[in-house]
Amino acid sequence: MSATEMVPSLVRNADDAERRWFYGGGVHTWLARAADTGGTFLLCEMSMESGKATPLHTHPADETLVVLEGELLVHLDGTDHRVTAGGVALAPAGVPHAFLVGSEGARMLCLHTPGTCEAFYLGASEPIDATTSTGVVDFDRIAASAREHGGIELLGPPPFSSRVDG
């Protein structure tokens, strides 16, 4: 089978993408799902408010974060890094990482390669309409989805001792 037969063509505008409220806080706009890419990757835009932090965790896939707006403090394998608009951070599979939104808000693209974490994200979120931008933050549902679907290993609380000033 050729590469073009394995990975289907895809064109999707943000207005046509599925929007979901992620129980860890933030809106995910799914630009490419595993079925869209033959499982090679997942791609979503994440919009988050100031102070949103992830627990320390790993994935069985590489996770690339491209900051479109705002600023993140990204904790990678024990070290904190400031990533500003236009910047990128890569957490290779198995590397402990977390991030904290340090600006008023942030938008980023999140790319998982391969697309093996989709079931976790779907189990840890719910569909929303185009006018919804907030929801309930529920880390118990995040942990339940991790146990049920895999795709993430939660290692502990957010590792940040202080906030980033944006």
C-alpha atoms as a PDB file:
ATOM      1  CA  MET A   1       0.000   0.000   0.000  1.00  0.00           C
ATOM      2  CA  SER A   2       1.364   3.439  -0.927  1.00  0.00           C
ATOM      3  CA  ALA A   3       1.632   6.341   1.530  1.00  0.00           C
ATOM      4  CA  THR A   4      -1.189   8.192  -0.222  1.00  0.00           C
ATOM      5  CA  GLU A   5      -3.477   5.190   0.252  1.00  0.00           C
ATOM      6  CA  MET A   6      -2.592   4.931   3.960  1.00  0.00           C
ATOM      7  CA  VAL A   7      -3.113   8.599   4.882  1.00  0.00           C
ATOM      8  CA  PRO A   8      -6.257  10.134   3.398  1.00  0.00           C
ATOM      9  CA  SER A   9      -6.344  13.707   2.130  1.00  0.00           C
ATOM     10  CA  LEU A  10      -7.910  16.189   4.532  1.00  0.00           C
ATOM     11  CA  VAL A  11      -9.074  19.771   4.327  1.00  0.00           C
ATOM     12  CA  ARG A  12     -10.948  21.154   7.337  1.00  0.00           C
ATOM     13  CA  ASN A  13     -11.548  24.737   8.369  1.00  0.00           C
ATOM     14  CA  ALA A  14     -11.793  25.592  12.059  1.00  0.00           C
ATOM     15  CA  ASP A  15     -15.494  26.465  11.614  1.00  0.00           C
ATOM     16  CA  ASP A  16     -16.109  22.870  10.469  1.00  0.00           C
ATOM     17  CA  ALA A  17     -14.094  21.220  13.247  1.00  0.00           C
ATOM     18  CA  GLU A  18     -15.602  19.597  16.332  1.00  0.00           C
ATOM     19  CA  ARG A  19     -15.316  21.756  19.474  1.00  0.00           C
ATOM     20  CA  ARG A  20     -15.076  20.091  22.881  1.00  0.00           C
ATOM     21  CA  TRP A  21     -14.783  21.330  26.465  1.00  0.00           C
ATOM     22  CA  PHE A  22     -11.808  19.533  28.034  1.00  0.00           C
ATOM     23  CA  TYR A  23     -12.403  18.754  31.720  1.00  0.00           C
ATOM     24  CA  GLY A  24      -8.877  19.927  32.526  1.00  0.00           C
ATOM     25  CA  GLY A  25      -9.948  23.417  31.395  1.00  0.00           C
ATOM     26  CA  GLY A  26     -10.077  24.817  27.889  1.00  0.00           C
ATOM     27  CA  VAL A  27     -11.702  24.436  24.511  1.00  0.00           C
ATOM     28  CA  HIS A  28     -10.287  21.890  22.070  1.00  0.00           C
ATOM     29  CA  THR A  29     -11.046  22.350  18.372  1.00  0.00           C
ATOM     30  CA  TRP A  30     -10.320  19.041  16.627  1.00  0.00           C
ATOM     31  CA  LEU A  31      -8.706  19.828  13.290  1.00  0.00           C
ATOM     32  CA  ALA A  32      -7.565  16.254  12.529  1.00  0.00           C
ATOM     33  CA  ARG A  33      -8.590  13.076  14.336  1.00  0.00           C
ATOM     34  CA  ALA A  34      -6.917   9.657  14.129  1.00  0.00           C
ATOM     35  CA  ALA A  35      -9.455   8.374  11.589  1.00  0.00           C
ATOM     36  CA  ASP A  36      -8.737  11.425   9.420  1.00  0.00           C
ATOM     37  CA  THR A  37      -4.990  10.711   9.333  1.00  0.00           C
ATOM     38  CA  GLY A  38      -4.821   6.934   9.203  1.00  0.00           C
ATOM     39  CA  GLY A  39      -3.737   7.073  12.860  1.00  0.00           C
ATOM     40  CA  THR A  40      -0.542   8.964  12.071  1.00  0.00           C
ATOM     41  CA  PHE A  41      -1.421  12.008  14.178  1.00  0.00           C
ATOM     42  CA  LEU A  42      -3.999  14.041  16.100  1.00  0.00           C
ATOM     43  CA  LEU A  43      -4.145  17.822  15.789  1.00  0.00           C
ATOM     44  CA  CYS A  44      -6.226  20.221  17.830  1.00  0.00           C
ATOM     45  CA  GLU A  45      -6.213  23.878  18.720  1.00  0.00           C
ATOM     46  CA  MET A  46      -6.467  24.535  22.450  1.00  0.00           C
ATOM     47  CA  SER A  47      -7.787  27.818  23.874  1.00  0.00           C
ATOM     48  CA  MET A  48      -7.128  28.256  27.589  1.00  0.00           C
ATOM     49  CA  GLU A  49      -7.408  30.891  30.313  1.00  0.00           C
ATOM     50  CA  SER A  50      -4.707  32.265  32.579  1.00  0.00           C
ATOM     51  CA  GLY A  51      -3.601  29.864  35.297  1.00  0.00           C
ATOM     52  CA  LYS A  52      -4.689  26.672  33.513  1.00  0.00           C
ATOM     53  CA  ALA A  53      -2.161  23.996  34.465  1.00  0.00           C
ATOM     54  CA  THR A  54      -1.821  20.337  33.614  1.00  0.00           C
ATOM     55  CA  PRO A  55      -0.707  17.688  36.058  1.00  0.00           C
ATOM     56  CA  LEU A  56       2.710  16.153  35.490  1.00  0.00           C
ATOM     57  CA  HIS A  57       2.144  13.400  32.934  1.00  0.00           C
ATOM     58  CA  THR A  58       3.502  11.355  30.033  1.00  0.00           C
ATOM     59  CA  HIS A  59       2.003  10.114  26.774  1.00  0.00           C
ATOM     60  CA  PRO A  60       2.861   7.058  24.665  1.00  0.00           C
ATOM     61  CA  ALA A  61       3.067   9.476  21.692  1.00  0.00           C
ATOM     62  CA  ASP A  62       5.209  12.530  21.015  1.00  0.00           C
ATOM     63  CA  GLU A  63       3.368  15.758  21.920  1.00  0.00           C
ATOM     64  CA  THR A  64       4.298  18.964  20.107  1.00  0.00           C
ATOM     65  CA  LEU A  65       2.938  22.289  21.394  1.00  0.00           C
ATOM     66  CA  VAL A  66       3.012  25.323  19.079  1.00  0.00           C
ATOM     67  CA  VAL A  67       2.059  28.525  20.904  1.00  0.00           C
ATOM     68  CA  LEU A  68      -0.111  30.714  18.673  1.00  0.00           C
ATOM     69  CA  GLU A  69      -1.009  33.398  21.241  1.00  0.00           C
ATOM     70  CA  GLY A  70       0.030  34.030  24.809  1.00  0.00           C
ATOM     71  CA  GLU A  71       2.707  32.353  26.862  1.00  0.00           C
ATOM     72  CA  LEU A  72       3.214  28.978  28.495  1.00  0.00           C
ATOM     73  CA  LEU A  73       5.576  27.726  31.126  1.00  0.00           C
ATOM     74  CA  VAL A  74       6.420  24.224  29.917  1.00  0.00           C
ATOM     75  CA  HIS A  75       7.950  21.731  32.347  1.00  0.00           C
ATOM     76  CA  LEU A  76       9.929  19.107  30.429  1.00  0.00           C
ATOM     77  CA  ASP A  77      11.757  16.313  32.225  1.00  0.00           C
ATOM     78  CA  GLY A  78      12.445  18.402  35.333  1.00  0.00           C
ATOM     79  CA  THR A  79      13.182  21.795  33.744  1.00  0.00           C
ATOM     80  CA  ASP A  80      10.851  24.791  33.227  1.00  0.00           C
ATOM     81  CA  HIS A  81      10.910  26.639  29.879  1.00  0.00           C
ATOM     82  CA  ARG A  82       9.094  29.835  28.876  1.00  0.00           C
ATOM     83  CA  VAL A  83       7.459  29.433  25.442  1.00  0.00           C
ATOM     84  CA  THR A  84       6.011  32.540  23.812  1.00  0.00           C
ATOM     85  CA  ALA A  85       3.835  33.093  20.735  1.00  0.00           C
ATOM     86  CA  GLY A  86       5.475  31.499  17.716  1.00  0.00           C
ATOM     87  CA  GLY A  87       7.478  29.101  19.879  1.00  0.00           C
ATOM     88  CA  VAL A  88       7.370  25.318  20.034  1.00  0.00           C
ATOM     89  CA  ALA A  89       7.955  22.644  22.673  1.00  0.00           C
ATOM     90  CA  LEU A  90       8.287  18.905  22.040  1.00  0.00           C
ATOM     91  CA  ALA A  91       7.635  16.327  24.753  1.00  0.00           C
ATOM     92  CA  PRO A  92       8.840  13.017  23.305  1.00  0.00           C
ATOM     93  CA  ALA A  93       6.892   9.887  24.192  1.00  0.00           C
ATOM     94  CA  GLY A  94       7.480   8.909  27.806  1.00  0.00           C
ATOM     95  CA  VAL A  95       9.053  12.216  28.895  1.00  0.00           C
ATOM     96  CA  PRO A  96       7.352  13.724  31.979  1.00  0.00           C
ATOM     97  CA  HIS A  97       5.874  17.136  31.197  1.00  0.00           C
ATOM     98  CA  ALA A  98       3.251  19.711  32.164  1.00  0.00           C
ATOM     99  CA  PHE A  99       2.354  23.249  31.190  1.00  0.00           C
ATOM    100  CA  LEU A 100       0.935  26.370  32.807  1.00  0.00           C
ATOM    101  CA  VAL A 101      -0.753  29.267  30.987  1.00  0.00           C
ATOM    102  CA  GLY A 102       1.118  32.325  32.194  1.00  0.00           C
ATOM    103  CA  SER A 103      -0.511  35.023  30.103  1.00  0.00           C
ATOM    104  CA  GLU A 104      -4.080  36.336  30.199  1.00  0.00           C
ATOM    105  CA  GLY A 105      -5.006  33.459  27.903  1.00  0.00           C
ATOM    106  CA  ALA A 106      -3.301  31.238  25.376  1.00  0.00           C
ATOM    107  CA  ARG A 107      -3.974  29.440  22.131  1.00  0.00           C
ATOM    108  CA  MET A 108      -1.822  26.633  20.873  1.00  0.00           C
ATOM    109  CA  LEU A 109      -1.775  23.796  18.412  1.00  0.00           C
ATOM    110  CA  CYS A 110      -1.277  20.401  20.004  1.00  0.00           C
ATOM    111  CA  LEU A 111       0.039  17.616  17.764  1.00  0.00           C
ATOM    112  CA  HIS A 112       0.245  13.988  18.922  1.00  0.00           C
ATOM    113  CA  THR A 113       2.264  11.600  16.766  1.00  0.00           C
ATOM    114  CA  PRO A 114       1.058   8.958  16.337  1.00  0.00           C
ATOM    115  CA  GLY A 115      -2.646   9.565  17.024  1.00  0.00           C
ATOM    116  CA  THR A 116      -2.926   7.062  19.876  1.00  0.00           C
ATOM    117  CA  CYS A 117      -4.251   9.425  22.592  1.00  0.00           C
ATOM    118  CA  GLU A 118      -7.617  10.231  21.003  1.00  0.00           C
ATOM    119  CA  ALA A 119      -9.761   7.950  23.184  1.00  0.00           C
ATOM    120  CA  PHE A 120      -8.328   9.617  26.305  1.00  0.00           C
ATOM    121  CA  TYR A 121      -9.158  13.129  25.063  1.00  0.00           C
ATOM    122  CA  LEU A 122     -12.654  12.161  23.940  1.00  0.00           C
ATOM    123  CA  GLY A 123     -13.357  10.503  27.297  1.00  0.00           C
ATOM    124  CA  ALA A 124     -12.057  13.581  29.123  1.00  0.00           C
ATOM    125  CA  SER A 125     -14.180  16.111  27.239  1.00  0.00           C
ATOM    126  CA  GLU A 126     -17.667  16.820  25.948  1.00  0.00           C
ATOM    127  CA  PRO A 127     -18.958  18.369  22.710  1.00  0.00           C
ATOM    128  CA  ILE A 128     -19.831  22.074  22.832  1.00  0.00           C
ATOM    129  CA  ASP A 129     -21.377  24.513  20.384  1.00  0.00           C
ATOM    130  CA  ALA A 130     -19.712  27.491  18.743  1.00  0.00           C
ATOM    131  CA  THR A 131     -20.855  29.918  21.470  1.00  0.00           C
ATOM    132  CA  THR A 132     -19.586  27.950  24.496  1.00  0.00           C
ATOM    133  CA  SER A 133     -16.136  28.786  25.859  1.00  0.00           C
ATOM    134  CA  THR A 134     -16.270  27.539  29.467  1.00  0.00           C
ATOM    135  CA  GLY A 135     -17.319  24.466  31.358  1.00  0.00           C
ATOM    136  CA  VAL A 136     -16.748  22.405  34.482  1.00  0.00           C
ATOM    137  CA  VAL A 137     -13.151  21.564  35.415  1.00  0.00           C
ATOM    138  CA  ASP A 138     -13.193  17.985  36.702  1.00  0.00           C
ATOM    139  CA  PHE A 139      -9.851  16.251  37.233  1.00  0.00           C
ATOM    140  CA  ASP A 140     -11.617  13.116  38.503  1.00  0.00           C
ATOM    141  CA  ARG A 141     -13.042  12.690  34.995  1.00  0.00           C
ATOM    142  CA  ILE A 142      -9.555  13.218  33.541  1.00  0.00           C
ATOM    143  CA  ALA A 143      -8.175  10.451  35.775  1.00  0.00           C
ATOM    144  CA  ALA A 144     -11.116   8.150  34.953  1.00  0.00           C
ATOM    145  CA  SER A 145     -10.550   8.599  31.216  1.00  0.00           C
ATOM    146  CA  ALA A 146      -6.827   7.898  31.678  1.00  0.00           C
ATOM    147  CA  ARG A 147      -7.618   4.651  33.520  1.00  0.00           C
ATOM    148  CA  GLU A 148     -10.262   3.573  31.015  1.00  0.00           C
ATOM    149  CA  HIS A 149      -8.624   4.600  27.728  1.00  0.00           C
ATOM    150  CA  GLY A 150      -4.887   4.984  28.344  1.00  0.00           C
ATOM    151  CA  GLY A 151      -3.136   7.548  26.181  1.00  0.00           C
ATOM    152  CA  ILE A 152      -1.764   9.368  29.213  1.00  0.00           C
ATOM    153  CA  GLU A 153      -0.122   8.470  32.508  1.00  0.00           C
ATOM    154  CA  LEU A 154      -0.779  10.950  35.308  1.00  0.00           C
ATOM    155  CA  LEU A 155       2.333  11.241  37.497  1.00  0.00           C
ATOM    156  CA  GLY A 156       1.387  13.929  40.007  1.00  0.00           C
ATOM    157  CA  PRO A 157       0.166  17.473  40.543  1.00  0.00           C
ATOM    158  CA  PRO A 158       1.345  20.414  38.429  1.00  0.00           C
ATOM    159  CA  PRO A 159       5.072  20.902  39.199  1.00  0.00           C
ATOM    160  CA  PHE A 160       4.999  24.715  39.183  1.00  0.00           C
ATOM    161  CA  SER A 161       5.894  26.622  42.330  1.00  0.00           C
ATOM    162  CA  SER A 162       4.848  30.009  40.986  1.00  0.00           C
ATOM    163  CA  ARG A 163       2.909  31.582  38.150  1.00  0.00           C
ATOM    164  CA  VAL A 164       4.437  33.115  35.062  1.00  0.00           C
ATOM    165  CA  ASP A 165       3.811  36.835  34.628  1.00  0.00           C
ATOM    166  CA  GLY A 166       2.569  37.365  31.058  1.00  0.00           C
END
